[in-house]
C-alpha atoms as a PDB file:
ATOM      1  CA  MET A   1       0.000   0.000   0.000  1.00  0.00           C
ATOM      2  CA  SER A   2       1.253   3.493  -0.879  1.00  0.00           C
ATOM      3  CA  ASN A   3       2.292   5.775   1.926  1.00  0.00           C
ATOM      4  CA  PRO A   4      -0.404   8.281   2.970  1.00  0.00           C
ATOM      5  CA  VAL A   5       0.165  11.705   1.416  1.00  0.00           C
ATOM      6  CA  HIS A   6      -1.636  14.980   2.024  1.00  0.00           C
ATOM      7  CA  VAL A   7      -1.346  18.131  -0.103  1.00  0.00           C
ATOM      8  CA  THR A   8      -2.277  21.502   1.377  1.00  0.00           C
ATOM      9  CA  PHE A   9      -2.936  24.232  -1.194  1.00  0.00           C
ATOM     10  CA  ILE A  10      -2.729  27.949  -0.371  1.00  0.00           C
ATOM     11  CA  HIS A  11      -4.176  30.348  -2.952  1.00  0.00           C
ATOM     12  CA  GLY A  12      -2.807  33.685  -4.066  1.00  0.00           C
ATOM     13  CA  LEU A  13      -3.906  37.252  -4.680  1.00  0.00           C
ATOM     14  CA  ALA A  14      -7.318  38.566  -5.759  1.00  0.00           C
ATOM     15  CA  ASN A  15     -10.860  37.436  -5.127  1.00  0.00           C
ATOM     16  CA  LYS A  16     -11.770  33.760  -5.352  1.00  0.00           C
ATOM     17  CA  PRO A  17     -14.873  31.540  -5.468  1.00  0.00           C
ATOM     18  CA  SER A  18     -16.055  29.917  -2.241  1.00  0.00           C
ATOM     19  CA  PRO A  19     -13.587  27.481  -0.630  1.00  0.00           C
ATOM     20  CA  SER A  20     -15.418  24.379  -1.883  1.00  0.00           C
ATOM     21  CA  GLU A  21     -15.676  25.727  -5.427  1.00  0.00           C
ATOM     22  CA  LEU A  22     -12.050  26.838  -5.519  1.00  0.00           C
ATOM     23  CA  LYS A  23     -10.961  23.376  -4.422  1.00  0.00           C
ATOM     24  CA  ARG A  24     -13.104  21.777  -7.131  1.00  0.00           C
ATOM     25  CA  ILE A  25     -11.706  24.062  -9.832  1.00  0.00           C
ATOM     26  CA  TRP A  26      -8.074  23.527  -8.830  1.00  0.00           C
ATOM     27  CA  LEU A  27      -8.365  19.744  -8.550  1.00  0.00           C
ATOM     28  CA  GLU A  28     -10.185  19.540 -11.890  1.00  0.00           C
ATOM     29  CA  ALA A  29      -7.459  21.646 -13.535  1.00  0.00           C
ATOM     30  CA  LEU A  30      -4.781  19.372 -12.074  1.00  0.00           C
ATOM     31  CA  SER A  31      -6.524  16.203 -13.278  1.00  0.00           C
ATOM     32  CA  MET A  32      -7.419  17.515 -16.753  1.00  0.00           C
ATOM     33  CA  PRO A  33      -5.570  15.688 -19.571  1.00  0.00           C
ATOM     34  CA  THR A  34      -3.436  17.867 -21.847  1.00  0.00           C
ATOM     35  CA  ALA A  35      -1.482  17.244 -25.019  1.00  0.00           C
ATOM     36  CA  THR A  36       1.633  16.438 -22.979  1.00  0.00           C
ATOM     37  CA  ASP A  37       0.264  14.976 -19.735  1.00  0.00           C
ATOM     38  CA  GLN A  38      -2.533  12.583 -18.806  1.00  0.00           C
ATOM     39  CA  GLY A  39      -3.502  14.609 -15.744  1.00  0.00           C
ATOM     40  CA  PHE A  40      -2.910  13.954 -12.068  1.00  0.00           C
ATOM     41  CA  ASP A  41      -6.047  13.003 -10.159  1.00  0.00           C
ATOM     42  CA  LEU A  42      -5.006  13.235  -6.523  1.00  0.00           C
ATOM     43  CA  GLY A  43      -8.088  11.491  -5.199  1.00  0.00           C
ATOM     44  CA  GLU A  44      -7.704   8.483  -7.483  1.00  0.00           C
ATOM     45  CA  SER A  45      -4.032   8.336  -6.494  1.00  0.00           C
ATOM     46  CA  GLY A  46      -4.944   8.109  -2.822  1.00  0.00           C
ATOM     47  CA  VAL A  47      -3.668  11.589  -2.011  1.00  0.00           C
ATOM     48  CA  THR A  48      -5.816  13.646   0.346  1.00  0.00           C
ATOM     49  CA  THR A  49      -6.081  17.414  -0.010  1.00  0.00           C
ATOM     50  CA  SER A  50      -7.100  20.575   1.803  1.00  0.00           C
ATOM     51  CA  PHE A  51      -7.123  24.300   1.063  1.00  0.00           C
ATOM     52  CA  VAL A  52      -6.163  27.280   3.164  1.00  0.00           C
ATOM     53  CA  TYR A  53      -8.561  30.027   2.115  1.00  0.00           C
ATOM     54  CA  TRP A  54      -8.030  33.704   2.967  1.00  0.00           C
ATOM     55  CA  ALA A  55      -9.747  35.728   0.222  1.00  0.00           C
ATOM     56  CA  ASP A  56     -12.655  36.414   2.571  1.00  0.00           C
ATOM     57  CA  LEU A  57     -10.394  38.704   4.607  1.00  0.00           C
ATOM     58  CA  PHE A  58     -10.199  41.096   1.652  1.00  0.00           C
ATOM     59  CA  TYR A  59     -13.450  40.519  -0.252  1.00  0.00           C
ATOM     60  CA  ALA A  60     -16.971  40.564   1.163  1.00  0.00           C
ATOM     61  CA  THR A  61     -18.479  38.300  -1.514  1.00  0.00           C
ATOM     62  CA  PRO A  62     -16.810  35.305  -3.180  1.00  0.00           C
ATOM     63  CA  LEU A  63     -16.307  35.441  -6.919  1.00  0.00           C
ATOM     64  CA  ALA A  64     -18.763  33.434  -9.013  1.00  0.00           C
ATOM     65  CA  SER A  65     -17.244  30.133 -10.113  1.00  0.00           C
ATOM     66  CA  SER A  66     -18.231  30.725 -13.728  1.00  0.00           C
ATOM     67  CA  THR A  67     -16.470  34.085 -13.691  1.00  0.00           C
ATOM     68  CA  TYR A  68     -13.307  32.659 -12.150  1.00  0.00           C
ATOM     69  CA  GLU A  69     -13.145  29.805 -14.648  1.00  0.00           C
ATOM     70  CA  SER A  70     -13.369  32.252 -17.572  1.00  0.00           C
ATOM     71  CA  LEU A  71     -10.453  34.393 -16.385  1.00  0.00           C
ATOM     72  CA  ALA A  72      -7.576  32.418 -17.842  1.00  0.00           C
ATOM     73  CA  ASP A  73      -6.484  35.356 -19.993  1.00  0.00           C
ATOM     74  CA  ASP A  74      -8.276  38.338 -18.429  1.00  0.00           C
ATOM     75  CA  PRO A  75      -8.004  38.824 -14.657  1.00  0.00           C
ATOM     76  CA  THR A  76      -9.979  42.102 -14.701  1.00  0.00           C
ATOM     77  CA  GLU A  77     -13.140  40.709 -13.112  1.00  0.00           C
ATOM     78  CA  GLU A  78     -11.189  38.741 -10.551  1.00  0.00           C
ATOM     79  CA  LEU A  79      -9.754  42.000  -9.273  1.00  0.00           C
ATOM     80  CA  SER A  80     -12.763  44.264  -9.660  1.00  0.00           C
ATOM     81  CA  ALA A  81     -14.405  43.434  -6.328  1.00  0.00           C
ATOM     82  CA  GLY A  82     -11.498  44.720  -4.267  1.00  0.00           C
ATOM     83  CA  ASN A  83     -10.592  48.161  -3.019  1.00  0.00           C
ATOM     84  CA  THR A  84      -7.188  48.881  -4.532  1.00  0.00           C
ATOM     85  CA  GLU A  85      -6.607  52.024  -2.484  1.00  0.00           C
ATOM     86  CA  LEU A  86      -3.276  51.758  -0.711  1.00  0.00           C
ATOM     87  CA  SER A  87      -1.512  54.439   1.267  1.00  0.00           C
ATOM     88  CA  GLU A  88       1.969  55.293   0.037  1.00  0.00           C
ATOM     89  CA  ASN A  89       4.908  54.402   2.264  1.00  0.00           C
ATOM     90  CA  ASP A  90       8.550  53.481   1.773  1.00  0.00           C
ATOM     91  CA  TRP A  91       7.698  49.796   1.330  1.00  0.00           C
ATOM     92  CA  THR A  92       5.050  50.262  -1.341  1.00  0.00           C
ATOM     93  CA  ARG A  93       7.170  52.802  -3.198  1.00  0.00           C
ATOM     94  CA  ALA A  94      10.142  50.423  -3.190  1.00  0.00           C
ATOM     95  CA  LEU A  95       8.006  47.504  -4.360  1.00  0.00           C
ATOM     96  CA  HIS A  96       6.490  49.623  -7.123  1.00  0.00           C
ATOM     97  CA  LYS A  97       9.982  50.157  -8.536  1.00  0.00           C
ATOM     98  CA  ARG A  98      10.397  46.389  -8.876  1.00  0.00           C
ATOM     99  CA  PHE A  99       7.806  46.395 -11.643  1.00  0.00           C
ATOM    100  CA  PRO A 100       8.981  48.844 -14.333  1.00  0.00           C
ATOM    101  CA  GLU A 101       6.425  47.442 -16.782  1.00  0.00           C
ATOM    102  CA  ILE A 102       3.643  49.321 -15.027  1.00  0.00           C
ATOM    103  CA  ASN A 103       5.268  52.623 -15.993  1.00  0.00           C
ATOM    104  CA  GLU A 104       4.082  52.067 -19.538  1.00  0.00           C
ATOM    105  CA  SER A 105       1.871  54.670 -21.133  1.00  0.00           C
ATOM    106  CA  PRO A 106      -1.897  53.934 -21.329  1.00  0.00           C
ATOM    107  CA  ASP A 107      -1.618  52.789 -24.934  1.00  0.00           C
ATOM    108  CA  GLY A 108       0.902  50.142 -23.903  1.00  0.00           C
ATOM    109  CA  THR A 109       3.989  51.861 -25.298  1.00  0.00           C
ATOM    110  CA  PRO A 110       6.912  51.465 -22.884  1.00  0.00           C
ATOM    111  CA  GLU A 111       8.346  54.657 -21.452  1.00  0.00           C
ATOM    112  CA  SER A 112      12.093  55.192 -21.187  1.00  0.00           C
ATOM    113  CA  SER A 113      12.083  53.934 -17.581  1.00  0.00           C
ATOM    114  CA  LEU A 114      11.170  50.424 -18.706  1.00  0.00           C
ATOM    115  CA  SER A 115      14.133  48.125 -18.077  1.00  0.00           C
ATOM    116  CA  SER A 116      15.833  46.793 -21.172  1.00  0.00           C
ATOM    117  CA  GLY A 117      16.621  43.145 -21.732  1.00  0.00           C
ATOM    118  CA  PHE A 118      13.203  41.845 -20.651  1.00  0.00           C
ATOM    119  CA  GLU A 119      10.543  40.354 -22.864  1.00  0.00           C
ATOM    120  CA  ARG A 120       7.444  42.466 -22.419  1.00  0.00           C
ATOM    121  CA  ILE A 121       4.490  41.023 -20.547  1.00  0.00           C
ATOM    122  CA  PRO A 122       1.532  40.845 -22.973  1.00  0.00           C
ATOM    123  CA  LEU A 123      -1.000  42.757 -20.860  1.00  0.00           C
ATOM    124  CA  PRO A 124      -2.258  46.330 -21.329  1.00  0.00           C
ATOM    125  CA  ALA A 125      -0.762  48.949 -19.020  1.00  0.00           C
ATOM    126  CA  PHE A 126      -4.008  49.749 -17.199  1.00  0.00           C
ATOM    127  CA  LEU A 127      -4.407  46.095 -16.240  1.00  0.00           C
ATOM    128  CA  LYS A 128      -0.807  45.794 -15.061  1.00  0.00           C
ATOM    129  CA  ASN A 129      -1.333  48.793 -12.810  1.00  0.00           C
ATOM    130  CA  LYS A 130      -4.548  47.336 -11.396  1.00  0.00           C
ATOM    131  CA  ILE A 131      -2.929  43.966 -10.747  1.00  0.00           C
ATOM    132  CA  MET A 132       0.044  45.496  -8.985  1.00  0.00           C
ATOM    133  CA  ALA A 133      -2.133  47.772  -6.870  1.00  0.00           C
ATOM    134  CA  GLU A 134      -4.094  44.719  -5.719  1.00  0.00           C
ATOM    135  CA  PHE A 135      -0.951  42.660  -5.149  1.00  0.00           C
ATOM    136  CA  MET A 136       0.729  45.398  -3.138  1.00  0.00           C
ATOM    137  CA  ARG A 137      -2.368  45.936  -1.002  1.00  0.00           C
ATOM    138  CA  GLU A 138      -2.788  42.278  -0.076  1.00  0.00           C
ATOM    139  CA  ALA A 139       0.946  41.648   0.378  1.00  0.00           C
ATOM    140  CA  HIS A 140       1.301  44.827   2.438  1.00  0.00           C
ATOM    141  CA  ASP A 141      -1.604  44.022   4.752  1.00  0.00           C
ATOM    142  CA  TYR A 142      -0.286  40.521   5.363  1.00  0.00           C
ATOM    143  CA  LEU A 143       3.352  41.426   5.893  1.00  0.00           C
ATOM    144  CA  PHE A 144       2.520  44.434   8.108  1.00  0.00           C
ATOM    145  CA  ASN A 145      -0.232  42.504   9.945  1.00  0.00           C
ATOM    146  CA  VAL A 146      -2.891  45.123   9.195  1.00  0.00           C
ATOM    147  CA  GLN A 147      -6.008  44.362  11.273  1.00  0.00           C
ATOM    148  CA  SER A 148      -4.244  41.157  12.450  1.00  0.00           C
ATOM    149  CA  ILE A 149      -4.529  39.618   8.963  1.00  0.00           C
ATOM    150  CA  ARG A 150      -1.149  37.901   9.265  1.00  0.00           C
ATOM    151  CA  ASP A 151      -2.078  36.384  12.618  1.00  0.00           C
ATOM    152  CA  ILE A 152      -5.433  35.163  11.293  1.00  0.00           C
ATOM    153  CA  ILE A 153      -3.976  33.527   8.186  1.00  0.00           C
ATOM    154  CA  ARG A 154      -1.124  31.950  10.130  1.00  0.00           C
ATOM    155  CA  THR A 155      -3.694  30.399  12.474  1.00  0.00           C
ATOM    156  CA  ARG A 156      -5.680  29.042   9.531  1.00  0.00           C
ATOM    157  CA  VAL A 157      -2.576  27.400   8.087  1.00  0.00           C
ATOM    158  CA  ILE A 158      -1.560  25.847  11.419  1.00  0.00           C
ATOM    159  CA  ASN A 159      -5.096  24.575  12.094  1.00  0.00           C
ATOM    160  CA  ASN A 160      -5.117  22.992   8.646  1.00  0.00           C
ATOM    161  CA  LEU A 161      -1.773  21.274   9.164  1.00  0.00           C
ATOM    162  CA  ARG A 162      -2.825  19.976  12.585  1.00  0.00           C
ATOM    163  CA  GLU A 163      -5.724  18.094  10.992  1.00  0.00           C
ATOM    164  CA  ILE A 164      -3.421  16.045   8.751  1.00  0.00           C
ATOM    165  CA  PRO A 165      -2.719  12.512  10.073  1.00  0.00           C
ATOM    166  CA  VAL A 166       0.651  12.358  11.796  1.00  0.00           C
ATOM    167  CA  ASN A 167       1.924   9.541   9.563  1.00  0.00           C
ATOM    168  CA  ALA A 168       1.064  11.282   6.283  1.00  0.00           C
ATOM    169  CA  ARG A 169       3.624  12.975   4.062  1.00  0.00           C
ATOM    170  CA  LYS A 170       2.849  16.682   4.251  1.00  0.00           C
ATOM    171  CA  ILE A 171       3.229  18.694   1.053  1.00  0.00           C
ATOM    172  CA  ILE A 172       2.400  22.391   0.754  1.00  0.00           C
ATOM    173  CA  VAL A 173       1.672  24.008  -2.615  1.00  0.00           C
ATOM    174  CA  GLY A 174       1.565  27.815  -2.523  1.00  0.00           C
ATOM    175  CA  HIS A 175       0.536  29.955  -5.477  1.00  0.00           C
ATOM    176  CA  SER A 176       1.531  33.631  -5.618  1.00  0.00           C
ATOM    177  CA  GLN A 177       1.037  35.184  -2.169  1.00  0.00           C
ATOM    178  CA  GLY A 178       0.232  31.703  -0.897  1.00  0.00           C
ATOM    179  CA  SER A 179       3.901  30.849  -1.386  1.00  0.00           C
ATOM    180  CA  PHE A 180       5.189  33.478   1.030  1.00  0.00           C
ATOM    181  CA  ILE A 181       2.369  32.766   3.469  1.00  0.00           C
ATOM    182  CA  ALA A 182       3.543  29.145   3.585  1.00  0.00           C
ATOM    183  CA  TYR A 183       7.181  30.215   3.931  1.00  0.00           C
ATOM    184  CA  ASP A 184       6.277  32.646   6.702  1.00  0.00           C
ATOM    185  CA  VAL A 185       4.491  29.904   8.659  1.00  0.00           C
ATOM    186  CA  MET A 186       7.359  27.442   8.239  1.00  0.00           C
ATOM    187  CA  THR A 187       9.913  29.989   9.428  1.00  0.00           C
ATOM    188  CA  GLY A 188       7.974  32.173  11.845  1.00  0.00           C
ATOM    189  CA  VAL A 189       5.534  29.896  13.686  1.00  0.00           C
ATOM    190  CA  ASN A 190       7.029  27.485  16.197  1.00  0.00           C
ATOM    191  CA  GLU A 191       3.887  25.339  16.184  1.00  0.00           C
ATOM    192  CA  CYS A 192       4.326  24.481  12.513  1.00  0.00           C
ATOM    193  CA  PRO A 193       4.920  20.741  12.100  1.00  0.00           C
ATOM    194  CA  LEU A 194       7.665  19.347   9.907  1.00  0.00           C
ATOM    195  CA  ILE A 195       6.816  19.594   6.206  1.00  0.00           C
ATOM    196  CA  ASP A 196       8.028  16.920   3.793  1.00  0.00           C
ATOM    197  CA  SER A 197       7.938  18.929   0.550  1.00  0.00           C
ATOM    198  CA  PHE A 198       7.149  22.448  -0.622  1.00  0.00           C
ATOM    199  CA  MET A 199       6.098  23.665  -4.067  1.00  0.00           C
ATOM    200  CA  THR A 200       5.866  27.316  -5.091  1.00  0.00           C
ATOM    201  CA  ILE A 201       4.209  28.477  -8.312  1.00  0.00           C
ATOM    202  CA  GLY A 202       4.175  32.044  -9.571  1.00  0.00           C
ATOM    203  CA  SER A 203       6.011  33.072  -6.415  1.00  0.00           C
ATOM    204  CA  PRO A 204       7.114  36.623  -5.501  1.00  0.00           C
ATOM    205  CA  LEU A 205       9.467  35.272  -2.816  1.00  0.00           C
ATOM    206  CA  GLY A 206      12.475  36.454  -4.822  1.00  0.00           C
ATOM    207  CA  ILE A 207      11.543  40.103  -4.267  1.00  0.00           C
ATOM    208  CA  ASP A 208      13.752  41.871  -1.705  1.00  0.00           C
ATOM    209  CA  GLU A 209      10.849  43.809  -0.163  1.00  0.00           C
ATOM    210  CA  ILE A 210       9.035  40.531   0.546  1.00  0.00           C
ATOM    211  CA  GLN A 211      12.134  38.885   2.004  1.00  0.00           C
ATOM    212  CA  ASP A 212      12.777  41.874   4.268  1.00  0.00           C
ATOM    213  CA  LYS A 213       9.508  41.199   6.107  1.00  0.00           C
ATOM    214  CA  LEU A 214      10.187  37.495   6.642  1.00  0.00           C
ATOM    215  CA  ILE A 215      12.544  35.562   8.897  1.00  0.00           C
ATOM    216  CA  TRP A 216      15.185  35.062   6.241  1.00  0.00           C
ATOM    217  CA  THR A 217      18.874  35.142   5.390  1.00  0.00           C
ATOM    218  CA  ARG A 218      20.357  34.454   1.982  1.00  0.00           C
ATOM    219  CA  ASP A 219      22.765  31.750   3.184  1.00  0.00           C
ATOM    220  CA  ASN A 220      20.210  30.034   5.434  1.00  0.00           C
ATOM    221  CA  GLY A 221      16.843  30.946   3.971  1.00  0.00           C
ATOM    222  CA  PHE A 222      15.778  27.339   3.510  1.00  0.00           C
ATOM    223  CA  PRO A 223      13.090  26.646   6.151  1.00  0.00           C
ATOM    224  CA  VAL A 224      14.243  24.477   9.053  1.00  0.00           C
ATOM    225  CA  LYS A 225      10.736  23.001   9.206  1.00  0.00           C
ATOM    226  CA  LEU A 226      11.135  21.689   5.645  1.00  0.00           C
ATOM    227  CA  ARG A 227      12.864  18.313   5.584  1.00  0.00           C
ATOM    228  CA  GLY A 228      12.516  17.552   1.876  1.00  0.00           C
ATOM    229  CA  ASP A 229      12.592  19.239  -1.509  1.00  0.00           C
ATOM    230  CA  TRP A 230      11.492  22.749  -2.352  1.00  0.00           C
ATOM    231  CA  VAL A 231      10.457  22.928  -6.015  1.00  0.00           C
ATOM    232  CA  ASN A 232       9.813  26.357  -7.525  1.00  0.00           C
ATOM    233  CA  ILE A 233       7.902  26.476 -10.819  1.00  0.00           C
ATOM    234  CA  TYR A 234       7.922  29.785 -12.664  1.00  0.00           C
ATOM    235  CA  ASP A 235       6.962  31.371 -15.971  1.00  0.00           C
ATOM    236  CA  PRO A 236       9.278  34.268 -16.913  1.00  0.00           C
ATOM    237  CA  LEU A 237       6.254  36.213 -18.222  1.00  0.00           C
ATOM    238  CA  ASP A 238       4.370  35.824 -14.944  1.00  0.00           C
ATOM    239  CA  MET A 239       4.353  39.462 -13.874  1.00  0.00           C
ATOM    240  CA  VAL A 240       4.044  38.760 -10.135  1.00  0.00           C
ATOM    241  CA  ALA A 241       7.114  36.494 -10.067  1.00  0.00           C
ATOM    242  CA  ARG A 242       8.873  38.429 -12.830  1.00  0.00           C
ATOM    243  CA  PRO A 243      11.424  40.567 -10.876  1.00  0.00           C
ATOM    244  CA  ASP A 244      13.249  37.452  -9.590  1.00  0.00           C
ATOM    245  CA  PRO A 245      11.440  34.215 -10.473  1.00  0.00           C
ATOM    246  CA  ARG A 246      14.309  31.851  -9.572  1.00  0.00           C
ATOM    247  CA  LEU A 247      14.718  31.266  -5.845  1.00  0.00           C
ATOM    248  CA  ALA A 248      17.723  28.939  -5.442  1.00  0.00           C
ATOM    249  CA  ASN A 249      20.181  31.796  -5.024  1.00  0.00           C
ATOM    250  CA  ASP A 250      18.080  33.560  -2.376  1.00  0.00           C
ATOM    251  CA  PHE A 251      17.063  30.616  -0.181  1.00  0.00           C
ATOM    252  CA  ARG A 252      20.210  28.631   0.412  1.00  0.00           C
ATOM    253  CA  GLN A 253      20.841  25.935   2.990  1.00  0.00           C
ATOM    254  CA  ASN A 254      24.159  26.422   4.783  1.00  0.00           C
ATOM    255  CA  GLY A 255      25.316  28.473   1.827  1.00  0.00           C
ATOM    256  CA  GLN A 256      24.391  25.826  -0.745  1.00  0.00           C
ATOM    257  CA  GLN A 257      21.790  26.257  -3.469  1.00  0.00           C
ATOM    258  CA  VAL A 258      19.171  23.558  -2.927  1.00  0.00           C
ATOM    259  CA  VAL A 259      15.855  24.975  -4.207  1.00  0.00           C
ATOM    260  CA  ILE A 260      14.892  23.322  -7.505  1.00  0.00           C
ATOM    261  CA  ASP A 261      13.939  26.069  -9.980  1.00  0.00           C
ATOM    262  CA  ILE A 262      11.998  24.876 -13.024  1.00  0.00           C
ATOM    263  CA  ARG A 263      10.743  27.006 -15.882  1.00  0.00           C
ATOM    264  CA  GLU A 264       7.193  26.274 -17.070  1.00  0.00           C
ATOM    265  CA  SER A 265       5.942  28.275 -20.044  1.00  0.00           C
ATOM    266  CA  ASN A 266       2.243  28.958 -19.667  1.00  0.00           C
ATOM    267  CA  GLN A 267       0.075  30.080 -22.556  1.00  0.00           C
ATOM    268  CA  GLY A 268      -1.844  33.251 -23.359  1.00  0.00           C
ATOM    269  CA  THR A 269      -1.559  36.718 -21.859  1.00  0.00           C
ATOM    270  CA  TRP A 270      -2.275  36.133 -18.151  1.00  0.00           C
ATOM    271  CA  ARG A 271       0.656  33.902 -17.196  1.00  0.00           C
ATOM    272  CA  HIS A 272       0.063  34.144 -13.426  1.00  0.00           C
ATOM    273  CA  SER A 273      -3.082  31.995 -13.624  1.00  0.00           C
ATOM    274  CA  SER A 274      -3.095  29.273 -10.959  1.00  0.00           C
ATOM    275  CA  THR A 275      -5.024  26.849 -13.169  1.00  0.00           C
ATOM    276  CA  LYS A 276      -2.453  27.241 -15.956  1.00  0.00           C
ATOM    277  CA  TYR A 277       0.309  26.261 -13.547  1.00  0.00           C
ATOM    278  CA  LEU A 278      -1.777  23.294 -12.365  1.00  0.00           C
ATOM    279  CA  LYS A 279      -2.084  22.101 -15.973  1.00  0.00           C
ATOM    280  CA  GLY A 280       1.662  22.406 -16.547  1.00  0.00           C
ATOM    281  CA  THR A 281       3.627  19.297 -17.431  1.00  0.00           C
ATOM    282  CA  GLN A 282       6.619  20.224 -15.269  1.00  0.00           C
ATOM    283  CA  PHE A 283       4.440  21.011 -12.260  1.00  0.00           C
ATOM    284  CA  ARG A 284       2.561  17.724 -12.510  1.00  0.00           C
ATOM    285  CA  GLN A 285       5.712  15.664 -12.921  1.00  0.00           C
ATOM    286  CA  GLN A 286       7.252  17.229  -9.837  1.00  0.00           C
ATOM    287  CA  LEU A 287       4.090  16.901  -7.753  1.00  0.00           C
ATOM    288  CA  ARG A 288       3.824  13.227  -8.681  1.00  0.00           C
ATOM    289  CA  ARG A 289       7.416  12.724  -7.586  1.00  0.00           C
ATOM    290  CA  LEU A 290       6.912  14.486  -4.269  1.00  0.00           C
ATOM    291  CA  CYS A 291       3.711  12.502  -3.675  1.00  0.00           C
ATOM    292  CA  GLN A 292       5.587   9.279  -4.539  1.00  0.00           C
ATOM    293  CA  ARG A 293       3.034   8.596  -7.267  1.00  0.00           C
ATOM    294  CA  GLU A 294       5.273   8.599 -10.324  1.00  0.00           C
ATOM    295  CA  VAL A 295       3.963   6.657 -13.333  1.00  0.00           C
END
């Protein structure tokens, strides 16, 4: 009999459907056959799952499932329910500079401040600005513990992990902001149990301003609570991960690079989509390996 395995998913920025609907959508995306992969059905493989949900702390009403499922290449509606107002401070100003693409003119023509040597992200400027305003607001409120949001989400993660059977392999998959929430719990919460494997997708953990608000050093940034592999899947045109999508150099273990960085090229314009990552061949192969369910 295969060893028991449990995967905990933590979602990322912007509004989401209800917890049960989000879980359904993610698991269906993961199990959907593609041209290069047969799909990975966790339930049929004997892998149990759970989701840490936190969108309700920012949005009064969950997003309709039909709307969420139609957003693969246009995240506008996903973001429209939120209040993107964010007071300016040194942290937000510094983070804003990490994303030179959003200094484009309204017609999408890059201004002279746009960094050279980067392939342009195929989204209009107004949408890039809206996405980054939302990202900065949610990241800021978590990292600065506005209205105890960091404490609340940490508690949700710990409560979730406590419900996993002791003998099960514990794997955490964090998308976008979910990746640094998971990292924060593994490094900043003593009650966190040992985690067997960690996967990050579309992660902004490479950004200095994020790292500065975590318990982190470059030479020993690998979480002591993590006793197995950390696999980081990124798309270079994912605008949230874009400033520094590879993490091995920033999260070393005793000075050694141990994080496994893997490039996964998503399709379309909105490359940060969680469901696109879940359909990725590289992501599925690595998750199978970590779950000890390789075919």
